[in-house]
Structures are given as structure tokens and as C-alpha cells.
């Protein structure tokens, strides 16, 4: 009896000493609500999984005295499809929280309207979220700042349209005007809120910098013929065509531009089709000379930081092609930002992690990653040593050559030969 009692005590001691070992195997679940059939969704998924694989291979995340792995749970929101209601994306987000037991939310939703609506759910469940792809609306971080106590769970480490226009698109237009002597702008945008807003704001600020805006054409999502607008651009002697479209049909626009030899430089501030490394081959070279923004550095090859090309090479090795466009590098950085914050917080507690993310100062793939402590928006810059830098590239001889910002540029803009004449 005495021996049995001693054995029982020893067993109890072993049982109560095991939780730190068994919980070490319990993953930290990253719920990713993403439109997986669209560029900004599948690139985000690939970026997230690459980072998680690297982190787990290096031993995982230290939470207090435990080591725990990350696990990514992806669910398709379809929120970039024009006929899918915002409520569907919210149902997906709620499933990730309630059914997949997500500890954190990363990635999307990608459509601005869905991301804004998701903020209330994140607040309800007190789930820390890091937005990394798609949604560019300034309303997101403004809402956090205006109602901090309610929306403090929401962070964004990718760009937003206010900075993209004022800090990148317009300065590049100023540079084009100074170096190439071009000053007549024609605007072609998709009929969605963010595209119309970006087109209007870019046109307004460009006028203030001496550009003449000679016309605007707005196209419904799914349009497959842009010839009328292109002919108008030619008739009005446009020298640069500003394109703001996230629909894949924008590749048709560029094919028509090439075939018609329109003497105006295509500048896709948002042009999803041209972002991808396979675009040049898919258009049989007719995408040559097109410029495109991919929002954050690392989404096209450059040497923004020592980490940039390491990321590009790791992505290429894993997936067989270079990073494909917006949402890739920022989604890749999200698990690293969380790992850094969790380890400094020593906990998965939402308030502790929020405080830690607000103090983040991490040199990443696209520059120094810090967030504004009240708006939770990543701090942008044109210098990677100071903040998160963007990327504008041009297709040249089948390669994406970064031409802005100057600190990370790999080449200069080239004009099509029919434009030089």
C-alpha cells in the first residue's frame, strides 16, 4: 500500500510536470482569410507559408519558457469577386476564429470594404490581426486611430493608397517630367472605389506638379476591350497613361496598347496583371515598357535590404518563380513580426502582443518595419533604413527592373521606340 501510494505520487508529479512539454507541441494558429483564386490572395498564402516553414525549421516561437510552432489555416473569402457580398468574407473570418481556433489573424480580407467590416469582428473576439494584402484604404488606419480602444487589435504592415499616391506615384511623375520632358496624363481606371479614388487623387496632385490631365476613362470590372480609350489617349496626345486596375483583364489593355503603338508610356500604379513574373511571356512581350507598382519592396527583385534577395531566392526555390506581386513580401513578414512581438511579450495575450507590436523595430524584407503607435499603420519611407519602402518597376527585355524609389532602383525608365519618334 505504501509503495503504491509513493508510485501514485510520482505519477502525479510526472503528469503535472508534462504540460510545458505537451503544450510546446501545440501550434500557434495563424488564421488567414484570403481570396485564394486571385493574385493578392495566393501570393499572401505563399508568403505566409514560406515564413512559417522557416520559423518552424529554426525551432519555432519562444513563448515564455516554451517553444511552439506556427500553423497557417487558410480559408477562401472570395472577397475580390465583384458579386460576392462582404458578409461572406465575415463568415469565413468567424469560422477561422471559432472552428479553426485561430490565435491571430493574418493576411486579409483583401477587399477594402471587407477588411473594414472585419474590424468589428476582430474587436468582438479580441483577436490581433495583421493586414498584409489587398486593402489599401486609408480609412482602415484612420478608424484605428479614431477609436483606438475598440480597434487596437488591427494592424497593417503593407502600404495604403494615401502614401502610395503622394509618396510614390506623384513623385515618380515629377521625376518623369524632369528627366523625360513628358507632361500630358491620361487616366484609365477600374470602376471600383479604391481605383477611382486613386485615379482622382493622382490626377489632382499631378496637376499641382505641372502635369496636364487630358482625360479619364472608367471601365467596369471584367472589361475586355479598351481600344476606344486608347484611341482617345492618342487623339489627345497623351504622353503617359495612368492605369489603376486590379482585374486580370488589364493584360488585354496592354496588348492593345502595344498592337496600336500608342505613343504614351503605360504607368500601372495598380495593375495586377503586369505584376507577375510570367506576364511578359503571357503577353508575348507586348507588356514591354509597362511600369507597375507592387506596393512593397521584395515583390520584385531589388536590394532594398540584406534580407530582400534572400527572400526572393527562398521564394523562387520553394515555388519555382520569383515573388509574384503585391501581398507577397508583406505577408511573409507578418509571422516574423508576430514572432518578434510574442517573444518580447512572453505571452499570447492580446493586450501584451498589441503593446509589443506597437514597439516593433525590425529590419525586414522591405525596410525598417515600425508601426504608428495609435493608427497601427506601418511607417512608410523612400529610404529602407527609415521605414517601409515601395517598389515601382518597368518591364525591360522580359525582366522587372526596379526604377523607384532611388535608394533601391536597379535601372532607369526606357521609352518605347515608337514614342521616341
Protein backbone atom coordinates (compact mmCIF):
# COMPACT_ATOMS: atom_id res chain seq x y z
CA UNK A 1 0.00 0.00 0.00
CA UNK A 2 2.78 2.37 0.96
CA UNK A 3 4.67 1.54 -2.22
CA UNK A 4 1.54 2.04 -4.33
CA UNK A 5 1.00 5.42 -2.64
CA UNK A 6 4.56 6.52 -3.44
CA UNK A 7 4.19 5.39 -7.08
CA UNK A 8 0.92 7.35 -7.34
CA UNK A 9 2.60 10.48 -6.01
CA UNK A 10 5.45 10.09 -8.51
CA UNK A 11 2.98 9.63 -11.35
CA UNK A 12 1.14 12.79 -10.32
CA UNK A 13 4.40 14.69 -10.24
CA UNK A 14 5.23 13.48 -13.73
CA UNK A 15 1.76 14.37 -15.01
CA UNK A 16 1.93 17.88 -13.60
CA UNK A 17 5.42 18.39 -14.98
CA UNK A 18 4.37 17.40 -18.54
CA UNK A 19 2.21 20.41 -19.60
CA UNK A 20 5.24 22.50 -20.54
CA UNK A 21 6.33 19.65 -22.82
CA UNK A 22 2.94 18.84 -24.37
CA UNK A 23 1.95 22.48 -24.82
CA UNK A 24 5.27 23.04 -26.55
CA UNK A 25 3.88 20.90 -29.35
CA UNK A 26 0.61 22.83 -29.57
CA UNK A 27 0.82 25.18 -32.56
CA UNK A 28 0.09 28.89 -32.57
CA UNK A 29 -2.63 29.09 -35.21
CA UNK A 30 -2.48 31.89 -37.78
CA UNK A 31 -5.87 32.25 -39.47
CA UNK A 32 -5.60 33.65 -43.00
CA UNK A 33 -8.84 34.85 -44.67
CA UNK A 34 -7.74 35.25 -48.31
CA UNK A 35 -9.21 35.30 -51.84
CA UNK A 36 -7.13 32.32 -52.92
CA UNK A 37 -8.11 32.42 -56.61
CA UNK A 38 -6.68 35.95 -57.01
CA UNK A 39 -3.12 37.23 -57.14
CA UNK A 40 -3.33 39.17 -53.87
CA UNK A 41 -4.65 36.05 -52.14
CA UNK A 42 -2.42 33.26 -53.43
CA UNK A 43 0.75 35.36 -53.11
CA UNK A 44 -0.16 36.14 -49.49
CA UNK A 45 -0.71 32.44 -48.75
CA UNK A 46 2.66 31.51 -50.27
CA UNK A 47 4.47 34.28 -48.39
CA UNK A 48 2.90 33.27 -45.07
CA UNK A 49 3.73 29.58 -45.51
CA UNK A 50 7.31 30.26 -46.55
CA UNK A 51 7.91 32.33 -43.40
CA UNK A 52 6.23 29.78 -41.15
CA UNK A 53 8.31 26.95 -42.64
CA UNK A 54 11.49 28.94 -41.96
CA UNK A 55 10.48 29.86 -38.41
CA UNK A 56 9.45 26.32 -37.52
CA UNK A 57 12.63 24.87 -39.02
CA UNK A 58 14.62 27.23 -36.79
CA UNK A 59 12.84 25.98 -33.65
CA UNK A 60 9.55 27.87 -33.64
CA UNK A 61 8.42 30.69 -31.35
CA UNK A 62 9.55 31.11 -27.76
CA UNK A 63 6.50 31.81 -25.57
CA UNK A 64 7.78 32.38 -22.07
CA UNK A 65 9.76 29.19 -21.38
CA UNK A 66 8.16 27.13 -24.16
CA UNK A 67 8.92 26.59 -27.84
CA UNK A 68 5.86 26.40 -30.07
CA UNK A 69 5.43 26.12 -33.84
CA UNK A 70 3.26 28.28 -36.06
CA UNK A 71 0.47 26.72 -38.12
CA UNK A 72 -1.30 28.51 -41.00
CA UNK A 73 -5.01 27.91 -41.60
CA UNK A 74 -6.17 29.43 -44.90
CA UNK A 75 -9.84 29.85 -45.85
CA UNK A 76 -11.08 31.33 -49.14
CA UNK A 77 -13.03 34.59 -48.71
CA UNK A 78 -13.66 35.15 -52.46
CA UNK A 79 -13.84 38.82 -51.46
CA UNK A 80 -12.17 40.10 -54.65
CA UNK A 81 -15.00 38.66 -56.74
CA UNK A 82 -17.40 41.52 -57.58
CA UNK A 83 -20.61 39.51 -56.94
CA UNK A 84 -19.57 38.11 -53.54
CA UNK A 85 -21.07 40.06 -50.61
CA UNK A 86 -18.90 41.33 -47.75
CA UNK A 87 -20.91 39.15 -45.35
CA UNK A 88 -19.37 36.02 -46.92
CA UNK A 89 -15.87 37.19 -46.02
CA UNK A 90 -17.02 37.87 -42.46
CA UNK A 91 -18.41 34.33 -42.17
CA UNK A 92 -15.03 32.97 -43.23
CA UNK A 93 -13.26 35.12 -40.65
CA UNK A 94 -15.62 33.92 -37.93
CA UNK A 95 -15.06 30.29 -38.92
CA UNK A 96 -11.31 30.76 -38.62
CA UNK A 97 -11.78 32.11 -35.11
CA UNK A 98 -14.44 29.69 -33.86
CA UNK A 99 -13.78 26.49 -35.81
CA UNK A 100 -10.05 26.67 -36.53
CA UNK A 101 -9.27 28.28 -33.16
CA UNK A 102 -7.05 30.93 -34.74
CA UNK A 103 -4.83 32.67 -32.19
CA UNK A 104 -4.09 35.50 -34.64
CA UNK A 105 -5.46 36.69 -37.98
CA UNK A 106 -3.03 37.49 -40.80
CA UNK A 107 -3.28 38.43 -44.47
CA UNK A 108 -6.79 39.62 -45.34
CA UNK A 109 -9.61 40.14 -46.04
CA UNK A 110 -8.21 41.70 -49.21
CA UNK A 111 -11.05 43.92 -50.45
CA UNK A 112 -11.07 47.22 -48.54
CA UNK A 113 -14.80 47.03 -47.82
CA UNK A 114 -14.41 43.53 -46.34
CA UNK A 115 -11.33 44.48 -44.31
CA UNK A 116 -13.15 47.47 -42.82
CA UNK A 117 -16.20 45.37 -41.95
CA UNK A 118 -13.95 42.72 -40.37
CA UNK A 119 -12.63 45.22 -37.83
CA UNK A 120 -15.76 44.89 -35.70
CA UNK A 121 -15.44 41.10 -35.57
CA UNK A 122 -11.78 41.33 -34.59
CA UNK A 123 -12.75 43.71 -31.81
CA UNK A 124 -15.59 41.43 -30.67
CA UNK A 125 -13.30 38.39 -30.36
CA UNK A 126 -10.24 40.42 -29.26
CA UNK A 127 -8.11 38.85 -31.99
CA UNK A 128 -4.92 40.61 -33.03
CA UNK A 129 -4.83 40.96 -36.82
CA UNK A 130 -2.04 41.96 -39.20
CA UNK A 131 -3.39 43.06 -42.59
CA UNK A 132 -0.85 42.42 -45.36
CA UNK A 133 -2.53 42.31 -48.76
CA UNK A 134 -5.19 43.92 -50.91
CA UNK A 135 -6.93 46.54 -48.78
CA UNK A 136 -5.30 49.93 -49.42
CA UNK A 137 -7.97 52.23 -47.98
CA UNK A 138 -6.69 54.96 -45.61
CA UNK A 139 -9.99 54.54 -43.74
CA UNK A 140 -8.54 51.39 -42.13
CA UNK A 141 -5.79 53.00 -40.09
CA UNK A 142 -7.79 56.20 -39.57
CA UNK A 143 -10.51 54.15 -37.92
CA UNK A 144 -7.98 52.57 -35.56
CA UNK A 145 -6.69 56.00 -34.56
CA UNK A 146 -10.19 57.45 -34.14
CA UNK A 147 -11.45 54.55 -31.97
CA UNK A 148 -8.25 53.10 -30.57
CA UNK A 149 -9.73 51.25 -27.60
CA UNK A 150 -12.17 49.40 -29.86
CA UNK A 151 -9.91 48.69 -32.85
CA UNK A 152 -6.48 48.39 -31.22
CA UNK A 153 -6.40 44.76 -32.40
CA UNK A 154 -6.00 45.84 -36.05
CA UNK A 155 -2.56 46.42 -37.64
CA UNK A 156 -1.44 46.87 -41.26
CA UNK A 157 2.18 46.33 -42.31
CA UNK A 158 1.56 46.86 -46.04
CA UNK A 159 1.03 50.14 -47.90
CA UNK A 160 -2.04 52.35 -48.17
CA UNK A 161 -3.22 54.45 -51.08
CA UNK A 162 -2.65 57.88 -49.48
CA UNK A 163 1.10 57.28 -49.20
CA UNK A 164 1.30 55.40 -52.49
CA UNK A 165 -0.14 58.36 -54.38
CA UNK A 166 1.53 61.23 -52.53
CA UNK A 167 4.78 59.48 -51.63
CA UNK A 168 5.43 57.34 -54.71
CA UNK A 169 3.18 57.78 -57.78
CA UNK A 170 3.25 61.58 -57.96
CA UNK A 171 6.98 61.87 -57.10
CA UNK A 172 7.69 59.40 -59.91
CA UNK A 173 5.58 61.50 -62.30
CA UNK A 174 7.61 64.55 -61.22
CA UNK A 175 10.78 62.59 -61.99
CA UNK A 176 9.43 61.54 -65.42
CA UNK A 177 8.56 65.15 -66.23
CA UNK A 178 12.02 66.38 -65.23
CA UNK A 179 14.05 63.63 -66.94
CA UNK A 180 11.95 62.80 -70.00
CA UNK A 181 10.05 66.04 -70.61
CA UNK A 182 6.62 64.36 -70.51
CA UNK A 183 3.68 66.28 -69.06
CA UNK A 184 0.35 65.08 -70.57
CA UNK A 185 -1.52 62.49 -68.50
CA UNK A 186 -4.46 60.27 -69.48
CA UNK A 187 -6.14 58.20 -66.72
CA UNK A 188 -7.77 54.76 -67.16
CA UNK A 189 -9.31 53.21 -64.02
CA UNK A 190 -11.44 50.25 -62.98
CA UNK A 191 -14.91 51.09 -61.70
CA UNK A 192 -14.25 50.23 -58.04
CA UNK A 193 -13.90 52.63 -55.14
CA UNK A 194 -10.15 52.35 -54.50
CA UNK A 195 -9.27 52.68 -58.20
CA UNK A 196 -11.49 55.72 -58.78
CA UNK A 197 -10.12 57.32 -55.62
CA UNK A 198 -6.50 56.65 -56.56
CA UNK A 199 -7.05 57.98 -60.08
CA UNK A 200 -8.76 61.14 -58.86
CA UNK A 201 -6.13 61.87 -56.20
CA UNK A 202 -3.19 61.17 -58.52
CA UNK A 203 -4.70 63.42 -61.18
CA UNK A 204 -5.30 66.22 -58.68
CA UNK A 205 -1.77 66.12 -57.25
CA UNK A 206 -0.18 65.70 -60.69
CA UNK A 207 -1.88 68.92 -61.84
CA UNK A 208 -0.34 70.71 -58.88
CA UNK A 209 3.07 69.49 -60.09
CA UNK A 210 2.63 70.84 -63.61
CA UNK A 211 1.03 67.87 -65.36
CA UNK A 212 -1.92 68.35 -67.71
CA UNK A 213 -4.65 65.76 -67.15
CA UNK A 214 -6.33 65.43 -70.54
CA UNK A 215 -8.99 62.80 -69.83
CA UNK A 216 -10.27 59.92 -67.68
CA UNK A 217 -11.89 56.66 -68.75
CA UNK A 218 -13.65 54.35 -66.23
CA UNK A 219 -14.15 50.64 -67.02
CA UNK A 220 -16.43 48.07 -65.34
CA UNK A 221 -14.74 45.03 -63.82
CA UNK A 222 -14.37 42.36 -66.50
CA UNK A 223 -13.98 44.74 -69.47
CA UNK A 224 -12.09 43.11 -72.36
CA UNK A 225 -11.85 45.94 -74.93
CA UNK A 226 -10.01 49.17 -74.15
CA UNK A 227 -9.46 50.36 -77.72
CA UNK A 228 -11.82 53.34 -77.52
CA UNK A 229 -9.98 54.78 -74.52
CA UNK A 230 -6.59 54.10 -76.11
CA UNK A 231 -7.65 55.87 -79.32
CA UNK A 232 -8.82 58.80 -77.22
CA UNK A 233 -5.44 58.91 -75.47
CA UNK A 234 -3.73 59.01 -78.88
CA UNK A 235 -6.09 61.67 -80.21
CA UNK A 236 -5.46 63.87 -77.17
CA UNK A 237 -1.67 63.42 -77.48
CA UNK A 238 -1.26 61.70 -74.13
CA UNK A 239 2.34 61.05 -73.08
CA UNK A 240 1.67 58.88 -70.01
CA UNK A 241 -1.34 56.61 -69.41
CA UNK A 242 -2.03 56.13 -65.71
CA UNK A 243 -3.69 52.71 -65.16
CA UNK A 244 -5.45 51.76 -61.91
CA UNK A 245 -6.90 48.24 -62.25
CA UNK A 246 -6.67 45.06 -60.18
CA UNK A 247 -8.62 42.94 -62.69
CA UNK A 248 -6.71 40.37 -64.78
CA UNK A 249 -8.23 41.77 -67.98
CA UNK A 250 -5.79 44.68 -67.72
CA UNK A 251 -3.38 42.45 -69.66
CA UNK A 252 -5.70 42.90 -72.67
CA UNK A 253 -5.33 46.67 -72.30
CA UNK A 254 -1.55 46.39 -72.59
CA UNK A 255 -1.70 44.05 -75.57
CA UNK A 256 -3.95 46.53 -77.34
CA UNK A 257 -1.66 49.40 -76.35
CA UNK A 258 1.30 47.56 -77.89
CA UNK A 259 -0.51 46.49 -81.07
CA UNK A 260 -1.87 50.01 -81.64
CA UNK A 261 1.56 51.54 -80.92
CA UNK A 262 0.02 54.20 -78.68
CA UNK A 263 2.77 56.83 -78.12
CA UNK A 264 2.28 57.09 -74.36
CA UNK A 265 4.10 55.35 -71.52
CA UNK A 266 1.79 52.96 -69.57
CA UNK A 267 2.16 53.54 -65.82
CA UNK A 268 0.21 50.94 -63.87
CA UNK A 269 0.02 52.35 -60.38
CA UNK A 270 -2.18 49.35 -59.60
CA UNK A 271 -2.20 46.79 -62.40
CA UNK A 272 -2.35 43.24 -61.09
CA UNK A 273 -1.82 41.51 -64.44
CA UNK A 274 1.55 43.19 -65.04
CA UNK A 275 2.94 42.48 -61.58
CA UNK A 276 3.52 38.76 -62.11
CA UNK A 277 6.83 37.32 -63.36
CA UNK A 278 5.03 35.35 -66.08
CA UNK A 279 3.33 38.45 -67.53
CA UNK A 280 5.92 39.19 -70.23
CA UNK A 281 5.72 35.67 -71.65
CA UNK A 282 1.92 35.57 -71.33
CA UNK A 283 1.64 38.73 -73.44
CA UNK A 284 4.32 37.51 -75.89
CA UNK A 285 6.45 40.51 -74.96
CA UNK A 286 3.67 43.04 -75.50
CA UNK A 287 3.92 44.11 -71.86
CA UNK A 288 7.36 45.55 -72.57
CA UNK A 289 7.84 49.12 -71.24
CA UNK A 290 4.86 48.90 -68.87
CA UNK A 291 5.53 50.32 -65.39
CA UNK A 292 3.85 48.81 -62.33
CA UNK A 293 3.76 49.36 -58.59
CA UNK A 294 3.94 46.30 -56.34
CA UNK A 295 3.49 48.39 -53.17
CA UNK A 296 6.27 46.86 -51.03
CA UNK A 297 9.87 46.06 -51.91
CA UNK A 298 10.64 42.38 -52.29
CA UNK A 299 7.61 41.79 -54.51
CA UNK A 300 10.07 42.22 -57.39
CA UNK A 301 13.85 41.66 -57.14
CA UNK A 302 15.87 44.53 -55.64
CA UNK A 303 18.49 45.10 -52.96
CA UNK A 304 16.38 47.19 -50.59
CA UNK A 305 17.88 45.42 -47.53
CA UNK A 306 20.20 42.45 -46.99
CA UNK A 307 17.06 40.35 -46.45
CA UNK A 308 15.37 41.26 -49.77
CA UNK A 309 17.24 38.98 -52.16
CA UNK A 310 17.42 36.20 -49.55
CA UNK A 311 13.62 36.29 -49.55
CA UNK A 312 13.42 36.43 -53.38
CA UNK A 313 15.78 33.44 -53.68
CA UNK A 314 13.96 31.41 -51.00
CA UNK A 315 10.58 32.09 -52.63
CA UNK A 316 11.94 31.17 -56.06
CA UNK A 317 13.45 27.93 -54.74
CA UNK A 318 10.21 26.89 -52.99
CA UNK A 319 7.67 27.90 -55.66
CA UNK A 320 9.65 27.89 -58.92
CA UNK A 321 9.18 31.56 -59.73
CA UNK A 322 10.03 34.98 -58.31
CA UNK A 323 7.66 36.73 -55.86
CA UNK A 324 4.55 37.41 -57.87
CA UNK A 325 3.31 40.82 -56.81
CA UNK A 326 1.66 42.83 -54.07
CA UNK A 327 0.98 40.96 -50.84
CA UNK A 328 3.92 38.57 -51.06
CA UNK A 329 6.70 40.21 -49.04
CA UNK A 330 4.36 41.86 -46.53
CA UNK A 331 2.61 38.53 -45.85
CA UNK A 332 5.98 36.84 -45.49
CA UNK A 333 6.96 39.41 -42.86
CA UNK A 334 3.75 39.03 -40.79
CA UNK A 335 4.82 35.80 -38.99
CA UNK A 336 8.23 37.34 -38.29
CA UNK A 337 6.60 40.47 -36.83
CA UNK A 338 4.35 38.26 -34.67
CA UNK A 339 7.24 36.04 -33.58
CA UNK A 340 9.24 39.09 -32.54
CA UNK A 341 6.28 40.56 -30.63
CA UNK A 342 5.23 37.30 -28.93
CA UNK A 343 8.76 36.63 -27.75
CA UNK A 344 9.12 40.13 -26.34
CA UNK A 345 5.67 39.89 -24.71
CA UNK A 346 6.39 36.40 -23.38
CA UNK A 347 2.73 35.62 -23.94
CA UNK A 348 -0.08 35.15 -26.48
CA UNK A 349 -2.31 37.54 -24.53
CA UNK A 350 -3.82 40.05 -26.96
CA UNK A 351 -3.08 43.18 -24.93
CA UNK A 352 0.51 42.10 -24.32
CA UNK A 353 1.08 41.33 -28.01
CA UNK A 354 -0.55 44.63 -29.06
CA UNK A 355 1.85 46.56 -26.83
CA UNK A 356 4.78 44.59 -28.24
CA UNK A 357 3.80 45.16 -31.90
CA UNK A 358 3.46 48.88 -31.20
CA UNK A 359 7.13 48.83 -30.18
CA UNK A 360 8.29 46.77 -33.16
CA UNK A 361 11.53 47.95 -34.79
CA UNK A 362 12.53 45.21 -37.22
CA UNK A 363 14.67 45.44 -40.35
CA UNK A 364 12.74 43.32 -42.82
CA UNK A 365 12.47 42.47 -46.49
CA UNK A 366 11.15 45.91 -47.49
CA UNK A 367 12.94 48.11 -45.00
CA UNK A 368 12.57 49.08 -41.39
CA UNK A 369 9.23 47.87 -40.03
CA UNK A 370 7.72 50.10 -37.38
CA UNK A 371 4.06 50.96 -36.86
CA UNK A 372 2.45 54.18 -35.76
CA UNK A 373 1.51 53.51 -32.10
CA UNK A 374 -2.01 54.92 -32.45
CA UNK A 375 -3.03 54.18 -36.05
CA UNK A 376 -1.16 50.85 -36.29
CA UNK A 377 -0.17 51.63 -39.89
CA UNK A 378 3.35 50.70 -40.97
CA UNK A 379 5.54 53.79 -41.23
CA UNK A 380 6.48 54.36 -44.91
CA UNK A 381 9.59 55.91 -46.41
CA UNK A 382 11.56 56.11 -49.64
CA UNK A 383 14.64 55.06 -47.63
CA UNK A 384 14.65 51.44 -46.37
CA UNK A 385 16.75 52.47 -43.36
CA UNK A 386 13.93 54.77 -42.21
CA UNK A 387 10.75 52.84 -42.98
CA UNK A 388 8.84 50.50 -45.30
CA UNK A 389 9.70 51.23 -48.93
CA UNK A 390 7.61 50.57 -52.00
CA UNK A 391 8.59 49.48 -55.49
CA UNK A 392 7.79 50.71 -58.98
CA UNK A 393 9.35 48.64 -61.75
CA UNK A 394 9.35 48.63 -65.55
CA UNK A 395 9.30 45.62 -67.84
CA UNK A 396 12.56 45.69 -69.79
CA UNK A 397 13.65 42.80 -72.04
CA UNK A 398 11.45 40.38 -70.12
CA UNK A 399 12.62 41.40 -66.65
CA UNK A 400 11.08 43.53 -63.90
CA UNK A 401 13.59 46.34 -63.38
CA UNK A 402 13.02 48.50 -60.29
CA UNK A 403 13.04 52.22 -61.17
CA UNK A 404 11.72 53.74 -57.91
CA UNK A 405 12.47 54.71 -55.17
CA UNK A 406 16.01 55.93 -55.96
CA UNK A 407 17.61 54.17 -52.95
CA UNK A 408 16.70 50.74 -54.33
CA UNK A 409 16.46 51.43 -58.10
CA UNK A 410 18.12 48.88 -60.39
CA UNK A 411 17.76 50.90 -63.62
CA UNK A 412 16.19 53.87 -65.44
CA UNK A 413 12.91 54.18 -67.38
CA UNK A 414 13.04 53.33 -71.09
CA UNK A 415 10.58 54.68 -73.67
CA UNK A 416 9.11 52.51 -76.45
CA UNK A 417 10.77 53.18 -79.83
CA UNK A 418 7.54 54.43 -81.44
CA UNK A 419 7.29 57.02 -78.68
CA UNK A 420 10.80 58.31 -79.31
CA UNK A 421 9.92 59.01 -82.91
